[in-house]
Protein backbone atom coordinates (compact mmCIF):
# COMPACT_ATOMS: atom_id res chain seq x y z
CA MET A 1 -83.09 -17.56 -38.43
CA SER A 2 -83.17 -18.89 -42.23
CA LYS A 3 -83.39 -22.60 -43.00
CA SER A 4 -81.09 -23.52 -44.84
CA PHE A 5 -79.04 -23.76 -41.90
CA THR A 6 -80.95 -23.82 -39.13
CA PRO A 7 -81.30 -28.10 -38.92
CA GLU A 8 -85.00 -29.08 -39.48
CA LYS A 9 -84.56 -31.88 -36.45
CA ASP A 10 -85.49 -31.07 -33.17
CA SER A 11 -82.68 -33.53 -32.34
CA ALA A 12 -79.81 -31.44 -35.07
CA PHE A 13 -80.84 -28.32 -33.60
CA ASP A 14 -80.45 -29.29 -29.73
CA GLN A 15 -76.98 -29.94 -31.34
CA PHE A 16 -76.53 -27.64 -33.35
CA PHE A 17 -77.41 -24.99 -31.07
CA LYS A 18 -75.28 -26.38 -28.69
CA ASN A 19 -71.95 -26.18 -30.39
CA ILE A 20 -72.48 -22.36 -30.81
CA THR A 21 -73.05 -21.54 -27.54
CA GLU A 22 -70.20 -23.81 -25.95
CA TYR A 23 -68.19 -22.53 -29.38
CA ALA A 24 -68.73 -19.07 -28.54
CA SER A 25 -68.13 -19.71 -24.75
CA ILE A 26 -64.78 -21.43 -25.66
CA LYS A 27 -63.45 -18.49 -27.08
CA SER A 28 -64.70 -15.57 -25.09
CA SER A 29 -62.91 -17.83 -22.52
CA GLY A 30 -59.10 -17.31 -21.21
CA ALA A 31 -56.78 -14.69 -19.54
CA ARG A 32 -56.63 -13.80 -23.16
CA PRO A 33 -59.57 -15.06 -24.91
CA GLU A 34 -59.97 -14.52 -28.61
CA TRP A 35 -62.63 -13.41 -28.73
CA THR A 36 -63.55 -10.08 -26.57
CA HIS A 37 -67.00 -8.90 -28.08
CA ILE A 38 -69.52 -10.37 -26.33
CA SER A 39 -70.72 -10.06 -23.05
CA LEU A 40 -70.86 -12.15 -20.04
CA ASP A 41 -74.09 -11.41 -20.27
CA GLY A 42 -75.11 -12.39 -24.00
CA LEU A 43 -73.72 -16.00 -23.54
CA ASP A 44 -75.35 -16.00 -20.15
CA ALA A 45 -78.56 -14.94 -21.98
CA ILE A 46 -77.67 -17.26 -24.86
CA ASN A 47 -76.82 -20.13 -22.36
CA ALA A 48 -80.08 -19.56 -21.25
CA ALA A 49 -82.00 -19.89 -24.22
CA TYR A 50 -80.15 -23.30 -24.69
CA ASP A 51 -81.06 -24.57 -20.89
CA THR A 52 -84.44 -23.36 -22.26
CA TRP A 53 -84.94 -25.38 -25.38
CA HIS A 54 -82.90 -27.70 -23.85
CA ARG A 55 -85.89 -28.48 -21.04
CA ALA A 56 -88.86 -28.53 -23.09
CA TYR A 57 -87.30 -30.10 -26.15
CA SER A 58 -85.22 -33.56 -23.71
CA PRO A 59 -89.39 -34.69 -22.14
CA THR A 60 -90.15 -35.16 -26.30
CA ILE A 61 -87.00 -37.54 -27.53
CA GLY A 62 -88.98 -40.71 -25.82
CA VAL A 63 -93.03 -41.60 -25.02
CA HIS A 64 -94.21 -37.97 -24.60
CA SER A 65 -97.96 -35.91 -24.57
CA SER A 66 -99.41 -33.76 -26.61
CA GLU A 67 -99.30 -30.99 -23.80
CA GLN A 68 -94.99 -31.97 -23.65
CA ALA A 69 -95.64 -31.54 -27.88
CA THR A 70 -97.05 -28.38 -27.80
CA LEU A 71 -94.06 -26.38 -24.84
CA LYS A 72 -91.56 -27.75 -27.28
CA HIS A 73 -92.91 -26.48 -30.76
CA ASN A 74 -93.06 -22.86 -29.16
CA MET A 75 -90.03 -22.86 -26.86
CA ARG A 76 -88.08 -23.82 -30.27
CA ARG A 77 -89.64 -20.72 -32.09
CA MET A 78 -88.00 -18.86 -29.24
CA ALA A 79 -85.10 -21.10 -28.71
CA GLU A 80 -84.72 -19.87 -33.24
CA ARG A 81 -85.50 -15.92 -32.42
CA ALA A 82 -82.91 -15.83 -29.85
CA LEU A 83 -80.44 -17.83 -31.80
CA ARG A 84 -80.48 -15.86 -34.70
CA ASP A 85 -79.98 -12.32 -32.91
CA PHE A 86 -77.23 -13.88 -31.29
CA VAL A 87 -75.12 -14.95 -34.36
CA ASP A 88 -76.51 -11.73 -35.89
CA LEU A 89 -75.60 -9.51 -33.41
CA TYR A 90 -72.38 -11.46 -32.44
CA LEU A 91 -71.27 -13.84 -34.81
CA CYS A 92 -71.48 -11.64 -38.19
CA VAL A 93 -68.68 -9.08 -37.35
CA ASP A 94 -65.17 -9.53 -36.77
CA PRO A 95 -63.00 -11.81 -35.14
CA VAL A 96 -65.99 -14.16 -35.72
CA SER A 97 -63.43 -15.57 -39.33
CA GLY A 98 -66.12 -17.77 -42.28
CA SER A 99 -63.61 -20.47 -40.69
CA ASP A 100 -64.53 -20.38 -36.89
CA ARG A 101 -68.42 -20.18 -38.46
CA ILE A 102 -68.45 -22.54 -40.50
CA CYS A 103 -66.77 -24.97 -37.26
CA MET A 104 -70.50 -23.36 -35.65
CA GLY A 105 -72.77 -25.53 -38.41
CA ILE A 106 -73.09 -21.43 -40.24
CA PRO A 107 -72.32 -21.08 -43.56
CA ASP A 108 -69.27 -18.92 -44.71
CA THR A 109 -71.41 -17.09 -47.19
CA TYR A 110 -74.41 -16.19 -43.90
CA THR A 111 -74.56 -12.07 -43.58
CA VAL A 112 -76.17 -9.62 -41.28
CA SER A 113 -77.20 -6.02 -42.74
CA ALA A 114 -76.27 -3.14 -42.02
CA SER A 115 -79.52 -1.33 -40.68
CA ARG A 116 -80.29 -4.90 -38.75
CA LEU A 117 -77.48 -5.00 -37.24
CA LYS A 118 -78.09 -0.89 -36.28
CA THR A 119 -80.95 -2.08 -35.09
CA LEU A 120 -79.48 -5.25 -32.72
CA GLU A 121 -77.14 -2.93 -31.17
CA ALA A 122 -79.46 0.11 -29.56
CA ALA A 123 -81.49 -3.03 -28.35
CA GLN A 124 -78.94 -4.91 -27.08
CA LYS A 125 -77.84 -1.16 -25.58
CA LYS A 126 -81.19 -0.38 -24.61
CA ALA A 127 -80.98 -3.29 -22.66
CA GLU A 128 -78.13 -3.20 -20.52
CA ARG A 129 -79.92 0.38 -19.42
CA GLU A 130 -83.63 -1.48 -18.34
CA ARG A 131 -81.38 -4.07 -16.62
CA ALA A 132 -79.38 -2.15 -13.94
CA GLU A 133 -81.76 0.15 -13.31
CA GLN A 134 -84.05 -3.10 -12.71
CA GLU A 135 -82.34 -4.83 -11.35
CA ALA A 136 -82.89 -4.86 -7.77
CA LEU A 137 -86.36 -5.84 -8.61
CA GLU A 138 -86.15 -8.78 -10.95
CA GLU A 139 -86.98 -12.93 -10.01
CA PRO A 140 -84.87 -13.50 -7.04
CA HIS A 141 -81.49 -14.54 -6.96
CA GLU A 142 -78.68 -15.83 -5.48
CA LYS A 143 -74.57 -15.18 -6.25
CA VAL A 144 -72.04 -17.65 -6.51
CA GLY A 145 -68.59 -17.37 -4.73
CA PHE A 146 -66.26 -20.31 -6.56
CA ARG A 147 -62.56 -19.95 -4.83
CA LEU A 148 -60.12 -22.97 -5.39
CA GLY A 149 -62.19 -25.49 -7.08
CA ARG A 150 -65.10 -24.33 -3.20
CA ILE A 151 -68.61 -22.28 -4.37
CA THR A 152 -69.94 -20.43 -1.19
CA ALA A 153 -73.97 -18.96 -1.68
CA SER A 154 -73.18 -15.17 -0.66
CA ASP A 155 -74.52 -11.15 -1.11
CA THR A 156 -71.50 -9.67 -0.34
CA PRO A 157 -69.02 -9.55 -4.04
CA GLN A 158 -65.26 -10.62 -3.30
CA THR A 159 -62.80 -10.35 -5.70
CA PRO A 160 -62.12 -12.55 -8.41
CA GLN A 161 -60.75 -16.72 -7.83
CA THR A 162 -60.46 -17.45 -11.28
CA PRO A 163 -57.69 -18.18 -11.99
CA PRO A 164 -55.14 -17.18 -15.75
CA GLY A 165 -56.73 -18.47 -19.13
CA TYR A 166 -59.64 -20.70 -16.66
CA VAL A 167 -63.22 -19.69 -16.37
CA ALA A 168 -66.13 -21.28 -13.35
CA ARG A 169 -68.14 -23.46 -15.49
CA ILE A 170 -70.77 -24.44 -13.12
CA ALA A 171 -74.20 -26.94 -12.94
CA TRP A 172 -77.19 -26.04 -11.18
CA ASP A 173 -80.25 -27.12 -10.78
CA VAL A 174 -83.36 -27.48 -8.93
CA LEU A 175 -84.48 -31.25 -7.91
CA ASP A 176 -86.69 -32.13 -5.46
CA THR A 177 -84.24 -34.57 -4.13
CA PRO A 178 -80.23 -34.03 -3.93
CA PRO A 179 -78.78 -35.48 -6.76
CA LEU A 180 -76.61 -38.34 -7.03
CA SER A 181 -73.91 -36.97 -9.67
CA VAL A 182 -72.98 -32.81 -11.49
CA ASN A 183 -74.40 -34.92 -14.65
CA GLU A 184 -78.03 -34.19 -12.50
CA LEU A 185 -77.40 -30.95 -12.65
CA THR A 186 -78.82 -29.78 -15.85
CA ARG A 187 -78.58 -26.23 -15.61
CA ILE A 188 -74.90 -25.14 -16.67
CA ALA A 189 -73.07 -21.34 -16.82
CA LEU A 190 -70.32 -19.75 -17.61
CA ALA A 191 -67.83 -16.87 -14.54
CA LYS A 192 -64.98 -15.55 -15.25
CA THR A 193 -65.19 -13.79 -11.91
CA SER A 194 -67.16 -14.06 -8.32
CA PRO A 195 -69.96 -13.69 -7.44
CA PHE A 196 -72.57 -15.09 -9.79
CA LYS A 197 -75.47 -14.34 -9.71
CA LEU A 198 -78.36 -17.22 -10.90
CA ASN A 199 -81.11 -16.31 -11.52
CA PHE A 200 -84.72 -19.00 -10.76
CA SER A 201 -87.99 -18.07 -10.92
CA ASP A 202 -90.58 -16.97 -8.98
CA GLU A 203 -92.11 -20.81 -8.75
CA ASP A 204 -88.88 -21.75 -7.23
CA ARG A 205 -89.10 -20.31 -3.93
CA GLY A 206 -87.95 -22.08 -0.88
CA LYS A 207 -86.83 -25.22 -3.39
CA THR A 208 -83.59 -25.83 -3.35
CA ALA A 209 -81.10 -25.71 -5.37
CA TYR A 210 -78.42 -27.64 -6.46
CA ILE A 211 -74.71 -26.75 -7.42
CA SER A 212 -71.28 -27.61 -8.70
CA VAL A 213 -68.14 -26.24 -10.84
CA ALA A 214 -65.31 -27.23 -12.49
CA TRP A 215 -63.07 -24.92 -13.65
CA GLN A 216 -62.99 -24.85 -18.10
CA ASN A 217 -59.49 -23.64 -19.42
CA ALA A 218 -59.47 -22.25 -23.29
CA GLN A 219 -59.40 -25.41 -24.58
CA GLY A 220 -62.92 -26.36 -23.25
CA ILE A 221 -61.53 -29.00 -20.91
CA LEU A 222 -62.53 -29.54 -17.76
CA GLY A 223 -61.42 -29.90 -14.10
CA PRO A 224 -63.00 -31.89 -11.51
CA TRP A 225 -65.97 -31.27 -9.69
CA GLY A 226 -66.70 -29.21 -6.95
CA ASP A 227 -68.31 -31.03 -4.17
CA ILE A 228 -72.64 -30.21 -4.73
CA GLN A 229 -73.45 -27.63 -1.90
CA SER A 230 -76.92 -27.04 -2.04
CA MET A 231 -79.12 -23.35 -0.89
CA ILE A 232 -81.87 -22.64 -0.40
CA VAL A 233 -84.03 -19.80 -3.07
CA PRO A 234 -84.94 -17.42 -1.77
C-alpha cells in the first residue's frame, strides 16, 4: 500500500486499519447489504489480520522490550501487505464509491491496475480451492452456534438464526483465567450464519476459549452481549 495514504505512526495505522475493517463489515452486513462482492472468508481474513497486528502492537504502546518492538515491526509489514491486497481486491472496484474510500481514509484517486486485480482474483480463487480441499487438515477449530443471543459449541450445522438486517459479532479469546467482562475478549469476528468456525493455533490446544455474542445492525450498533461461555480448545 502506498505510503502516501498509509499512516506512518503505528497508532494512526492501527486506527486506519480498524476503520477499514469495520466500515467494510458494516457495508457487507444486513439482510440487504450494500456490498455483496466481499466474501465472508475475505472479511474473516482481514479481521484476523487486524487482530494479529493489534495484538503485536498493543504491548508496545507503553514501556516494552526490544523483542516486542521487533515482533510489532514484523507484524506491521505483514499487516500492510494483507491490507493492500484487501483494498486492491475489494475496495477499488464497484460498488465501492470514491466517498466510501474517503470515509475509510483511502484517497479517491487511489486505483489498482487491471493486471494486479487479475492476479489477486486468481490467487483468491486458488486459495478458496485449497481451503476447501484442506479444511479437514487445518488447525484445531470449534464451531460456534448462536440463537437468540445464546451461543453453543457444536460440530453440527444449524439453521442460520441471524435476525434480518443483523450479523452476529463474536468476541472471543484464549485466556488463562476467566474474563471479568467482554472487554477482555480481544479477538473479534462477524458471522452471518450459524455455526461459525473459530480457528485456533496448535499452542491453544487444551486451553480454555471464552466467547460472547451480540447482534450488530447495518449501522454498526450493537445489542447487549450474551453471557460469556467457555470451551476447551480441541
